[in-house]
Amino acid sequence: MKLRKIDSHEETIEFLVFNYDGQGSALVIENNDGIVVSKSVNELKDIFLGEFGKEKEYELI
């Protein structure tokens, strides 16, 4: 699954694996840089649902 930041078409997040650690985290590649990083369940909530009280920042591409 790949998302991009709504206000910046260069900023992307590609999800490789969800819940790989049993804690709800995901492995992602940001901005097509080839580096795999881990996102916590709280970071994922912010990405998919928007931060508390704010509009969501990413859209599916």
PDB file of N, CA and C in Angstrom:
ATOM      1  N   MET A   1       0.852  -1.150   0.000  1.00  0.00           N
ATOM      2  CA  MET A   1       0.000   0.000   0.000  1.00  0.00           C
ATOM      3  C   MET A   1       0.909   1.227   0.000  1.00  0.00           C
ATOM      4  N   LYS A   2       0.553   2.203  -0.810  1.00  0.00           N
ATOM      5  CA  LYS A   2       1.366   3.414  -0.899  1.00  0.00           C
ATOM      6  C   LYS A   2       0.477   4.644  -0.720  1.00  0.00           C
ATOM      7  N   LEU A   3       0.951   5.563   0.124  1.00  0.00           N
ATOM      8  CA  LEU A   3       0.248   6.817   0.390  1.00  0.00           C
ATOM      9  C   LEU A   3       1.165   7.978   0.059  1.00  0.00           C
ATOM     10  N   ARG A   4       0.562   9.121  -0.249  1.00  0.00           N
ATOM     11  CA  ARG A   4       1.358  10.342  -0.420  1.00  0.00           C
ATOM     12  C   ARG A   4       0.732  11.448   0.403  1.00  0.00           C
ATOM     13  N   LYS A   5       1.583  12.376   0.783  1.00  0.00           N
ATOM     14  CA  LYS A   5       1.125  13.525   1.552  1.00  0.00           C
ATOM     15  C   LYS A   5       0.244  14.382   0.648  1.00  0.00           C
ATOM     16  N   ILE A   6      -0.898  14.777   1.139  1.00  0.00           N
ATOM     17  CA  ILE A   6      -1.876  15.502   0.326  1.00  0.00           C
ATOM     18  C   ILE A   6      -1.310  16.802  -0.219  1.00  0.00           C
ATOM     19  N   ASP A   7      -0.555  17.530   0.571  1.00  0.00           N
ATOM     20  CA  ASP A   7      -0.041  18.828   0.128  1.00  0.00           C
ATOM     21  C   ASP A   7       1.347  18.760  -0.512  1.00  0.00           C
ATOM     22  N   SER A   8       1.913  17.562  -0.669  1.00  0.00           N
ATOM     23  CA  SER A   8       3.239  17.415  -1.276  1.00  0.00           C
ATOM     24  C   SER A   8       3.313  16.082  -1.996  1.00  0.00           C
ATOM     25  N   HIS A   9       3.347  16.126  -3.315  1.00  0.00           N
ATOM     26  CA  HIS A   9       3.347  14.887  -4.093  1.00  0.00           C
ATOM     27  C   HIS A   9       4.684  14.154  -4.037  1.00  0.00           C
ATOM     28  N   GLU A  10       5.731  14.768  -3.497  1.00  0.00           N
ATOM     29  CA  GLU A  10       7.022  14.102  -3.375  1.00  0.00           C
ATOM     30  C   GLU A  10       7.117  13.232  -2.127  1.00  0.00           C
ATOM     31  N   GLU A  11       6.368  13.543  -1.085  1.00  0.00           N
ATOM     32  CA  GLU A  11       6.444  12.799   0.171  1.00  0.00           C
ATOM     33  C   GLU A  11       5.492  11.601   0.122  1.00  0.00           C
ATOM     34  N   THR A  12       6.075  10.399   0.173  1.00  0.00           N
ATOM     35  CA  THR A  12       5.285   9.176   0.107  1.00  0.00           C
ATOM     36  C   THR A  12       5.668   8.231   1.242  1.00  0.00           C
ATOM     37  N   ILE A  13       4.771   7.312   1.521  1.00  0.00           N
ATOM     38  CA  ILE A  13       5.020   6.228   2.472  1.00  0.00           C
ATOM     39  C   ILE A  13       4.498   4.948   1.824  1.00  0.00           C
ATOM     40  N   GLU A  14       5.375   3.949   1.696  1.00  0.00           N
ATOM     41  CA  GLU A  14       4.982   2.655   1.158  1.00  0.00           C
ATOM     42  C   GLU A  14       5.041   1.626   2.281  1.00  0.00           C
ATOM     43  N   PHE A  15       3.931   0.975   2.544  1.00  0.00           N
ATOM     44  CA  PHE A  15       3.838  -0.005   3.618  1.00  0.00           C
ATOM     45  C   PHE A  15       4.211  -1.379   3.091  1.00  0.00           C
ATOM     46  N   LEU A  16       5.158  -2.022   3.774  1.00  0.00           N
ATOM     47  CA  LEU A  16       5.623  -3.341   3.369  1.00  0.00           C
ATOM     48  C   LEU A  16       4.980  -4.449   4.192  1.00  0.00           C
ATOM     49  N   VAL A  17       4.957  -4.277   5.523  1.00  0.00           N
ATOM     50  CA  VAL A  17       4.450  -5.295   6.435  1.00  0.00           C
ATOM     51  C   VAL A  17       3.737  -4.610   7.595  1.00  0.00           C
ATOM     52  N   PHE A  18       2.545  -5.107   7.931  1.00  0.00           N
ATOM     53  CA  PHE A  18       1.822  -4.623   9.091  1.00  0.00           C
ATOM     54  C   PHE A  18       1.933  -5.641  10.216  1.00  0.00           C
ATOM     55  N   ASN A  19       1.983  -5.155  11.446  1.00  0.00           N
ATOM     56  CA  ASN A  19       1.977  -5.968  12.663  1.00  0.00           C
ATOM     57  C   ASN A  19       3.088  -7.023  12.668  1.00  0.00           C
ATOM     58  N   TYR A  20       4.243  -6.666  12.152  1.00  0.00           N
ATOM     59  CA  TYR A  20       5.359  -7.610  12.063  1.00  0.00           C
ATOM     60  C   TYR A  20       5.902  -7.997  13.438  1.00  0.00           C
ATOM     61  N   ASP A  21       5.660  -7.144  14.437  1.00  0.00           N
ATOM     62  CA  ASP A  21       6.189  -7.394  15.780  1.00  0.00           C
ATOM     63  C   ASP A  21       5.120  -7.824  16.780  1.00  0.00           C
ATOM     64  N   GLY A  22       3.896  -7.979  16.318  1.00  0.00           N
ATOM     65  CA  GLY A  22       2.805  -8.343  17.214  1.00  0.00           C
ATOM     66  C   GLY A  22       2.285  -7.195  18.061  1.00  0.00           C
ATOM     67  N   GLN A  23       2.837  -6.001  17.858  1.00  0.00           N
ATOM     68  CA  GLN A  23       2.435  -4.813  18.621  1.00  0.00           C
ATOM     69  C   GLN A  23       1.702  -3.791  17.754  1.00  0.00           C
ATOM     70  N   GLY A  24       1.430  -4.128  16.490  1.00  0.00           N
ATOM     71  CA  GLY A  24       0.716  -3.222  15.598  1.00  0.00           C
ATOM     72  C   GLY A  24       1.611  -2.327  14.772  1.00  0.00           C
ATOM     73  N   SER A  25       2.910  -2.468  14.877  1.00  0.00           N
ATOM     74  CA  SER A  25       3.841  -1.641  14.112  1.00  0.00           C
ATOM     75  C   SER A  25       3.878  -2.068  12.642  1.00  0.00           C
ATOM     76  N   ALA A  26       4.468  -1.237  11.806  1.00  0.00           N
ATOM     77  CA  ALA A  26       4.588  -1.543  10.382  1.00  0.00           C
ATOM     78  C   ALA A  26       5.991  -1.191   9.905  1.00  0.00           C
ATOM     79  N   LEU A  27       6.438  -1.902   8.884  1.00  0.00           N
ATOM     80  CA  LEU A  27       7.686  -1.564   8.206  1.00  0.00           C
ATOM     81  C   LEU A  27       7.326  -0.780   6.955  1.00  0.00           C
ATOM     82  N   VAL A  28       7.992   0.360   6.759  1.00  0.00           N
ATOM     83  CA  VAL A  28       7.663   1.255   5.653  1.00  0.00           C
ATOM     84  C   VAL A  28       8.926   1.763   4.971  1.00  0.00           C
ATOM     85  N   ILE A  29       8.738   2.240   3.743  1.00  0.00           N
ATOM     86  CA  ILE A  29       9.769   2.980   3.015  1.00  0.00           C
ATOM     87  C   ILE A  29       9.201   4.372   2.787  1.00  0.00           C
ATOM     88  N   GLU A  30       9.930   5.389   3.247  1.00  0.00           N
ATOM     89  CA  GLU A  30       9.471   6.769   3.086  1.00  0.00           C
ATOM     90  C   GLU A  30      10.180   7.431   1.919  1.00  0.00           C
ATOM     91  N   ASN A  31       9.425   8.157   1.108  1.00  0.00           N
ATOM     92  CA  ASN A  31       9.948   8.990   0.027  1.00  0.00           C
ATOM     93  C   ASN A  31      10.813   8.220  -0.973  1.00  0.00           C
ATOM     94  N   ASN A  32      10.498   6.960  -1.199  1.00  0.00           N
ATOM     95  CA  ASN A  32      11.206   6.132  -2.184  1.00  0.00           C
ATOM     96  C   ASN A  32      12.715   6.127  -1.989  1.00  0.00           C
ATOM     97  N   ASP A  33      13.181   6.278  -0.748  1.00  0.00           N
ATOM     98  CA  ASP A  33      14.617   6.338  -0.505  1.00  0.00           C
ATOM     99  C   ASP A  33      15.271   4.969  -0.326  1.00  0.00           C
ATOM    100  N   GLY A  34      14.466   3.893  -0.299  1.00  0.00           N
ATOM    101  CA  GLY A  34      15.009   2.554  -0.188  1.00  0.00           C
ATOM    102  C   GLY A  34      15.381   2.118   1.212  1.00  0.00           C
ATOM    103  N   ILE A  35      15.190   2.977   2.194  1.00  0.00           N
ATOM    104  CA  ILE A  35      15.520   2.641   3.579  1.00  0.00           C
ATOM    105  C   ILE A  35      14.240   2.202   4.288  1.00  0.00           C
ATOM    106  N   VAL A  36      14.273   1.011   4.863  1.00  0.00           N
ATOM    107  CA  VAL A  36      13.118   0.475   5.581  1.00  0.00           C
ATOM    108  C   VAL A  36      13.182   0.947   7.033  1.00  0.00           C
ATOM    109  N   VAL A  37      12.079   1.532   7.507  1.00  0.00           N
ATOM    110  CA  VAL A  37      11.991   1.992   8.891  1.00  0.00           C
ATOM    111  C   VAL A  37      10.718   1.433   9.518  1.00  0.00           C
ATOM    112  N   SER A  38      10.680   1.441  10.835  1.00  0.00           N
ATOM    113  CA  SER A  38       9.530   0.957  11.581  1.00  0.00           C
ATOM    114  C   SER A  38       8.681   2.140  12.031  1.00  0.00           C
ATOM    115  N   LYS A  39       7.362   1.995  11.926  1.00  0.00           N
ATOM    116  CA  LYS A  39       6.419   2.991  12.438  1.00  0.00           C
ATOM    117  C   LYS A  39       5.600   2.329  13.535  1.00  0.00           C
ATOM    118  N   SER A  40       5.455   3.014  14.657  1.00  0.00           N
ATOM    119  CA  SER A  40       4.679   2.483  15.780  1.00  0.00           C
ATOM    120  C   SER A  40       3.191   2.553  15.475  1.00  0.00           C
ATOM    121  N   VAL A  41       2.412   1.858  16.276  1.00  0.00           N
ATOM    122  CA  VAL A  41       0.967   1.860  16.097  1.00  0.00           C
ATOM    123  C   VAL A  41       0.406   3.277  16.230  1.00  0.00           C
ATOM    124  N   ASN A  42       0.960   4.096  17.115  1.00  0.00           N
ATOM    125  CA  ASN A  42       0.488   5.482  17.255  1.00  0.00           C
ATOM    126  C   ASN A  42       0.818   6.311  16.028  1.00  0.00           C
ATOM    127  N   GLU A  43       1.991   6.098  15.439  1.00  0.00           N
ATOM    128  CA  GLU A  43       2.340   6.803  14.206  1.00  0.00           C
ATOM    129  C   GLU A  43       1.409   6.383  13.070  1.00  0.00           C
ATOM    130  N   LEU A  44       1.058   5.099  13.024  1.00  0.00           N
ATOM    131  CA  LEU A  44       0.145   4.611  11.993  1.00  0.00           C
ATOM    132  C   LEU A  44      -1.240   5.237  12.144  1.00  0.00           C
ATOM    133  N   LYS A  45      -1.708   5.357  13.372  1.00  0.00           N
ATOM    134  CA  LYS A  45      -3.006   6.006  13.605  1.00  0.00           C
ATOM    135  C   LYS A  45      -2.995   7.429  13.067  1.00  0.00           C
ATOM    136  N   ASP A  46      -1.917   8.158  13.318  1.00  0.00           N
ATOM    137  CA  ASP A  46      -1.813   9.536  12.825  1.00  0.00           C
ATOM    138  C   ASP A  46      -1.803   9.574  11.298  1.00  0.00           C
ATOM    139  N   ILE A  47      -1.116   8.626  10.677  1.00  0.00           N
ATOM    140  CA  ILE A  47      -1.033   8.591   9.217  1.00  0.00           C
ATOM    141  C   ILE A  47      -2.401   8.285   8.598  1.00  0.00           C
ATOM    142  N   PHE A  48      -3.086   7.258   9.101  1.00  0.00           N
ATOM    143  CA  PHE A  48      -4.344   6.831   8.496  1.00  0.00           C
ATOM    144  C   PHE A  48      -5.550   7.655   8.913  1.00  0.00           C
ATOM    145  N   LEU A  49      -5.569   8.139  10.146  1.00  0.00           N
ATOM    146  CA  LEU A  49      -6.746   8.834  10.664  1.00  0.00           C
ATOM    147  C   LEU A  49      -6.531  10.318  10.885  1.00  0.00           C
ATOM    148  N   GLY A  50      -5.304  10.791  10.770  1.00  0.00           N
ATOM    149  CA  GLY A  50      -4.990  12.177  11.078  1.00  0.00           C
ATOM    150  C   GLY A  50      -4.695  12.324  12.556  1.00  0.00           C
ATOM    151  N   GLU A  51      -3.878  13.298  12.894  1.00  0.00           N
ATOM    152  CA  GLU A  51      -3.580  13.543  14.298  1.00  0.00           C
ATOM    153  C   GLU A  51      -4.836  14.050  14.990  1.00  0.00           C
ATOM    154  N   PHE A  52      -4.895  13.874  16.294  1.00  0.00           N
ATOM    155  CA  PHE A  52      -6.065  14.281  17.068  1.00  0.00           C
ATOM    156  C   PHE A  52      -6.419  15.737  16.784  1.00  0.00           C
ATOM    157  N   GLY A  53      -7.640  15.944  16.320  1.00  0.00           N
ATOM    158  CA  GLY A  53      -8.123  17.297  16.072  1.00  0.00           C
ATOM    159  C   GLY A  53      -7.681  17.904  14.753  1.00  0.00           C
ATOM    160  N   LYS A  54      -7.013  17.135  13.885  1.00  0.00           N
ATOM    161  CA  LYS A  54      -6.542  17.660  12.600  1.00  0.00           C
ATOM    162  C   LYS A  54      -7.077  16.810  11.455  1.00  0.00           C
ATOM    163  N   GLU A  55      -7.049  17.391  10.281  1.00  0.00           N
ATOM    164  CA  GLU A  55      -7.411  16.656   9.080  1.00  0.00           C
ATOM    165  C   GLU A  55      -6.309  15.653   8.758  1.00  0.00           C
ATOM    166  N   LYS A  56      -6.666  14.577   8.064  1.00  0.00           N
ATOM    167  CA  LYS A  56      -5.630  13.617   7.689  1.00  0.00           C
ATOM    168  C   LYS A  56      -4.690  14.239   6.657  1.00  0.00           C
ATOM    169  N   GLU A  57      -3.439  13.791   6.673  1.00  0.00           N
ATOM    170  CA  GLU A  57      -2.403  14.388   5.834  1.00  0.00           C
ATOM    171  C   GLU A  57      -2.048  13.553   4.617  1.00  0.00           C
ATOM    172  N   TYR A  58      -2.481  12.280   4.583  1.00  0.00           N
ATOM    173  CA  TYR A  58      -2.085  11.376   3.509  1.00  0.00           C
ATOM    174  C   TYR A  58      -3.276  10.842   2.750  1.00  0.00           C
ATOM    175  N   GLU A  59      -3.051  10.516   1.453  1.00  0.00           N
ATOM    176  CA  GLU A  59      -4.072   9.903   0.628  1.00  0.00           C
ATOM    177  C   GLU A  59      -3.486   8.691  -0.088  1.00  0.00           C
ATOM    178  N   LEU A  60      -4.329   7.727  -0.385  1.00  0.00           N
ATOM    179  CA  LEU A  60      -3.922   6.516  -1.067  1.00  0.00           C
ATOM    180  C   LEU A  60      -3.622   6.823  -2.520  1.00  0.00           C
ATOM    181  N   ILE A  61      -2.526   6.267  -3.024  1.00  0.00           N
ATOM    182  CA  ILE A  61      -2.223   6.429  -4.458  1.00  0.00           C
ATOM    183  C   ILE A  61      -2.097   5.087  -5.123  1.00  0.00           C
TER     184      ILE A  61
END
